Amino acid sequence: MWYFSWILGLGLAAAFAVLNAMWYELMEEGPSLRAGARPPGGGAGGLAEPDPPHSGVRRG
């Protein structure tokens, strides 16, 4: 029966390692995205972002 706890422990350790790697990847990309820089390919999986709505007021 001890092997069940080993299997559960190894599974949890592997899941923690994967989540930790995903977290570090997210934090590595985060500051550049927050600063307004777009990743290569337009971001969002290559989908184009719509233009923001215009207020209809002309300047200049």
Foldseek 3Di string as FASTA:
>chain_A
DVVVVVVVVVVVVVVVVVVVVVVVVCVVPPPCVVVPDADPLCDPNNDHDDDDDDPPDDDD
